[in-house]
Amino acid sequence: MTDYDNTNRGVLFKNNKRREGKNDPQMRGNINVEGKEYWLSGWSVNAKGEPYTDKNGDRFISVAVQAKEERIDPQAPLTGATEPEDEIPF
């Protein structure tokens, strides 16, 4: 499958790590646009649990896009962090 080209393609999956009471996306995934990778987030219902609908009553999914290099991982070490010294100065 090394010949498969994902350029200008993306995917959304159900977000199984969604936190109760938070505005976490119901769907998460990624997309490649012209060779650049992005994260996708999707919501099918609003904070009240009502489905998003247009003026005709047709349902839709609200989507947000974020470049992968812009996302901050809270578990990642801080940039420039150093190892603690072996000796305590006092």
N, C-alpha and C. Protein backbone atom coordinates (compact mmCIF):
# COMPACT_ATOMS: atom_id res chain seq x y z
N MET A 1 0.81 -1.19 0.00
CA MET A 1 0.00 0.00 0.00
C MET A 1 0.85 1.26 0.00
N THR A 2 2.10 1.14 -0.28
CA THR A 2 2.97 2.30 -0.30
C THR A 2 2.65 3.24 -1.46
N ASP A 3 1.90 2.75 -2.46
CA ASP A 3 1.57 3.57 -3.61
C ASP A 3 0.32 4.43 -3.38
N TYR A 4 -0.35 4.25 -2.26
CA TYR A 4 -1.59 4.98 -1.99
C TYR A 4 -1.27 6.43 -1.62
N ASP A 5 -1.94 7.36 -2.26
CA ASP A 5 -1.71 8.79 -2.03
C ASP A 5 -2.86 9.38 -1.21
N ASN A 6 -2.56 9.88 -0.02
CA ASN A 6 -3.57 10.49 0.86
C ASN A 6 -3.70 11.99 0.66
N THR A 7 -3.02 12.56 -0.31
CA THR A 7 -3.09 14.00 -0.53
C THR A 7 -4.53 14.41 -0.82
N ASN A 8 -4.96 15.47 -0.16
CA ASN A 8 -6.31 16.03 -0.29
C ASN A 8 -7.40 15.05 0.14
N ARG A 9 -7.09 14.26 1.17
CA ARG A 9 -8.05 13.32 1.75
C ARG A 9 -8.01 13.43 3.26
N GLY A 10 -9.11 13.08 3.90
CA GLY A 10 -9.18 13.11 5.35
C GLY A 10 -10.19 12.11 5.88
N VAL A 11 -10.26 12.02 7.20
CA VAL A 11 -11.15 11.07 7.86
C VAL A 11 -11.54 11.61 9.24
N LEU A 12 -12.76 11.30 9.66
CA LEU A 12 -13.24 11.62 11.01
C LEU A 12 -13.71 10.33 11.67
N PHE A 13 -13.38 10.17 12.95
CA PHE A 13 -13.80 9.03 13.74
C PHE A 13 -14.56 9.53 14.97
N LYS A 14 -15.38 8.68 15.54
CA LYS A 14 -16.04 9.00 16.80
C LYS A 14 -14.97 9.22 17.87
N ASN A 15 -15.12 10.28 18.66
CA ASN A 15 -14.16 10.60 19.71
C ASN A 15 -14.55 9.83 20.98
N ASN A 16 -13.87 8.73 21.24
CA ASN A 16 -14.16 7.90 22.42
C ASN A 16 -13.54 8.45 23.69
N LYS A 17 -12.75 9.53 23.59
CA LYS A 17 -12.09 10.12 24.76
C LYS A 17 -12.74 11.45 25.15
N ARG A 18 -13.96 11.64 24.73
CA ARG A 18 -14.69 12.89 25.01
C ARG A 18 -14.99 13.00 26.50
N ARG A 19 -14.75 14.17 27.08
CA ARG A 19 -14.98 14.40 28.51
C ARG A 19 -16.38 14.96 28.72
N GLU A 20 -17.08 14.45 29.71
CA GLU A 20 -18.42 14.92 30.04
C GLU A 20 -18.37 16.38 30.48
N GLY A 21 -19.34 17.17 30.04
CA GLY A 21 -19.44 18.56 30.44
C GLY A 21 -18.47 19.49 29.74
N LYS A 22 -17.69 18.99 28.81
CA LYS A 22 -16.73 19.81 28.07
C LYS A 22 -17.21 19.95 26.63
N ASN A 23 -16.64 20.90 25.91
CA ASN A 23 -17.00 21.11 24.51
C ASN A 23 -16.06 20.33 23.58
N ASP A 24 -15.63 19.16 24.04
CA ASP A 24 -14.77 18.32 23.21
C ASP A 24 -15.53 17.91 21.95
N PRO A 25 -14.81 17.76 20.84
CA PRO A 25 -15.49 17.36 19.61
C PRO A 25 -16.05 15.95 19.71
N GLN A 26 -17.18 15.73 19.05
CA GLN A 26 -17.76 14.39 19.01
C GLN A 26 -17.00 13.50 18.02
N MET A 27 -16.30 14.14 17.08
CA MET A 27 -15.51 13.42 16.08
C MET A 27 -14.12 14.05 15.98
N ARG A 28 -13.13 13.20 15.74
CA ARG A 28 -11.76 13.68 15.57
C ARG A 28 -11.11 12.93 14.42
N GLY A 29 -10.15 13.56 13.80
CA GLY A 29 -9.45 12.90 12.72
C GLY A 29 -8.38 13.79 12.14
N ASN A 30 -8.02 13.53 10.90
CA ASN A 30 -6.99 14.34 10.25
C ASN A 30 -7.29 14.44 8.77
N ILE A 31 -6.62 15.40 8.15
CA ILE A 31 -6.77 15.62 6.72
C ILE A 31 -5.45 16.12 6.16
N ASN A 32 -5.19 15.78 4.92
CA ASN A 32 -4.01 16.25 4.21
C ASN A 32 -4.49 17.16 3.10
N VAL A 33 -4.02 18.41 3.11
CA VAL A 33 -4.39 19.37 2.07
C VAL A 33 -3.11 19.82 1.38
N GLU A 34 -2.99 19.45 0.12
CA GLU A 34 -1.83 19.81 -0.70
C GLU A 34 -0.51 19.46 0.00
N GLY A 35 -0.48 18.30 0.66
CA GLY A 35 0.73 17.81 1.31
C GLY A 35 0.93 18.27 2.73
N LYS A 36 0.09 19.13 3.26
CA LYS A 36 0.22 19.61 4.64
C LYS A 36 -0.81 18.90 5.51
N GLU A 37 -0.39 18.43 6.70
CA GLU A 37 -1.25 17.68 7.60
C GLU A 37 -1.98 18.60 8.58
N TYR A 38 -3.27 18.31 8.80
CA TYR A 38 -4.12 19.07 9.72
C TYR A 38 -4.92 18.11 10.60
N TRP A 39 -5.27 18.57 11.81
CA TRP A 39 -6.20 17.87 12.67
C TRP A 39 -7.60 18.35 12.34
N LEU A 40 -8.58 17.46 12.39
CA LEU A 40 -9.98 17.80 12.19
C LEU A 40 -10.75 17.53 13.47
N SER A 41 -11.68 18.40 13.79
CA SER A 41 -12.61 18.20 14.91
C SER A 41 -14.00 18.43 14.37
N GLY A 42 -14.96 17.62 14.81
CA GLY A 42 -16.32 17.76 14.30
C GLY A 42 -17.36 17.66 15.41
N TRP A 43 -18.42 18.44 15.26
CA TRP A 43 -19.54 18.45 16.20
C TRP A 43 -20.83 18.27 15.41
N SER A 44 -21.66 17.33 15.82
CA SER A 44 -22.95 17.13 15.16
C SER A 44 -24.10 17.67 16.00
N VAL A 45 -23.85 17.92 17.28
CA VAL A 45 -24.87 18.50 18.17
C VAL A 45 -24.25 19.65 18.94
N ASN A 46 -25.09 20.60 19.37
CA ASN A 46 -24.61 21.75 20.12
C ASN A 46 -24.51 21.42 21.61
N ALA A 47 -24.17 22.42 22.42
CA ALA A 47 -23.98 22.21 23.86
C ALA A 47 -25.26 21.76 24.55
N LYS A 48 -26.41 22.06 23.98
CA LYS A 48 -27.69 21.64 24.55
C LYS A 48 -28.08 20.23 24.13
N GLY A 49 -27.25 19.61 23.29
CA GLY A 49 -27.54 18.26 22.80
C GLY A 49 -28.47 18.24 21.60
N GLU A 50 -28.72 19.41 21.03
CA GLU A 50 -29.59 19.51 19.85
C GLU A 50 -28.75 19.39 18.59
N PRO A 51 -29.24 18.67 17.58
CA PRO A 51 -28.46 18.55 16.34
C PRO A 51 -28.34 19.90 15.64
N TYR A 52 -27.19 20.11 15.02
CA TYR A 52 -27.02 21.31 14.20
C TYR A 52 -27.88 21.15 12.95
N THR A 53 -28.67 22.18 12.65
CA THR A 53 -29.51 22.16 11.45
C THR A 53 -29.42 23.51 10.74
N ASP A 54 -29.58 23.47 9.41
CA ASP A 54 -29.60 24.72 8.65
C ASP A 54 -31.02 25.28 8.63
N LYS A 55 -31.24 26.35 7.90
CA LYS A 55 -32.54 27.02 7.90
C LYS A 55 -33.65 26.15 7.31
N ASN A 56 -33.27 25.10 6.56
CA ASN A 56 -34.25 24.17 5.99
C ASN A 56 -34.49 22.95 6.89
N GLY A 57 -33.77 22.90 8.01
CA GLY A 57 -33.92 21.78 8.93
C GLY A 57 -33.02 20.60 8.62
N ASP A 58 -32.15 20.75 7.62
CA ASP A 58 -31.22 19.67 7.28
C ASP A 58 -30.05 19.67 8.26
N ARG A 59 -29.68 18.49 8.75
CA ARG A 59 -28.58 18.36 9.71
C ARG A 59 -27.23 18.56 9.03
N PHE A 60 -26.26 19.06 9.80
CA PHE A 60 -24.89 19.21 9.29
C PHE A 60 -23.91 19.00 10.42
N ILE A 61 -22.65 18.87 10.06
CA ILE A 61 -21.56 18.73 11.03
C ILE A 61 -20.71 19.98 10.96
N SER A 62 -20.47 20.59 12.12
CA SER A 62 -19.58 21.74 12.22
C SER A 62 -18.15 21.21 12.36
N VAL A 63 -17.22 21.76 11.56
CA VAL A 63 -15.86 21.25 11.51
C VAL A 63 -14.86 22.35 11.81
N ALA A 64 -13.81 22.01 12.56
CA ALA A 64 -12.69 22.92 12.83
C ALA A 64 -11.41 22.24 12.34
N VAL A 65 -10.49 23.04 11.81
CA VAL A 65 -9.23 22.53 11.28
C VAL A 65 -8.08 23.24 11.99
N GLN A 66 -7.03 22.48 12.32
CA GLN A 66 -5.86 23.07 12.97
C GLN A 66 -4.61 22.37 12.43
N ALA A 67 -3.63 23.15 12.03
CA ALA A 67 -2.37 22.58 11.54
C ALA A 67 -1.76 21.71 12.63
N LYS A 68 -1.23 20.57 12.25
CA LYS A 68 -0.70 19.63 13.25
C LYS A 68 0.44 20.24 14.06
N GLU A 69 1.28 21.06 13.45
CA GLU A 69 2.39 21.64 14.20
C GLU A 69 1.94 22.72 15.19
N GLU A 70 0.70 23.19 15.09
CA GLU A 70 0.19 24.22 16.01
C GLU A 70 -0.42 23.63 17.27
N ARG A 71 -0.86 22.38 17.23
CA ARG A 71 -1.52 21.78 18.38
C ARG A 71 -0.52 21.56 19.49
N ILE A 72 -0.90 21.93 20.69
CA ILE A 72 -0.03 21.77 21.86
C ILE A 72 -0.47 20.52 22.61
N ASP A 73 0.47 19.60 22.79
CA ASP A 73 0.20 18.38 23.53
C ASP A 73 0.50 18.62 25.01
N PRO A 74 -0.53 18.58 25.89
CA PRO A 74 -0.28 18.85 27.30
C PRO A 74 0.64 17.84 27.96
N GLN A 75 0.82 16.67 27.36
CA GLN A 75 1.68 15.63 27.93
C GLN A 75 3.14 15.78 27.49
N ALA A 76 3.38 16.62 26.49
CA ALA A 76 4.74 16.78 25.97
C ALA A 76 5.57 17.64 26.93
N PRO A 77 6.86 17.38 27.03
CA PRO A 77 7.71 18.21 27.88
C PRO A 77 7.82 19.63 27.32
N LEU A 78 8.04 20.58 28.20
CA LEU A 78 8.16 21.97 27.79
C LEU A 78 9.42 22.15 26.95
N THR A 79 9.34 23.01 25.97
CA THR A 79 10.49 23.30 25.12
C THR A 79 11.58 23.95 25.97
N GLY A 80 12.80 23.49 25.83
CA GLY A 80 13.91 24.06 26.56
C GLY A 80 14.07 23.51 27.97
N ALA A 81 13.24 22.54 28.34
CA ALA A 81 13.36 21.97 29.69
C ALA A 81 14.68 21.22 29.79
N THR A 82 15.29 21.29 30.95
CA THR A 82 16.56 20.60 31.16
C THR A 82 16.40 19.59 32.27
N GLU A 83 17.32 18.66 32.31
CA GLU A 83 17.32 17.66 33.37
C GLU A 83 17.76 18.31 34.68
N PRO A 84 17.19 17.89 35.81
CA PRO A 84 17.61 18.46 37.09
C PRO A 84 19.06 18.08 37.39
N GLU A 85 19.74 18.96 38.12
CA GLU A 85 21.13 18.69 38.48
C GLU A 85 21.17 17.62 39.56
N ASP A 86 22.28 16.86 39.60
CA ASP A 86 22.43 15.80 40.59
C ASP A 86 22.65 16.37 41.99
N GLU A 87 23.32 17.50 42.08
CA GLU A 87 23.62 18.08 43.39
C GLU A 87 22.62 19.16 43.74
N ILE A 88 22.23 19.21 45.00
CA ILE A 88 21.36 20.27 45.50
C ILE A 88 22.28 21.36 46.06
N PRO A 89 22.08 22.63 45.64
CA PRO A 89 23.03 23.68 46.02
C PRO A 89 22.94 24.14 47.47
N PHE A 90 22.14 23.55 48.31
CA PHE A 90 22.09 23.99 49.72
C PHE A 90 22.27 22.86 50.66
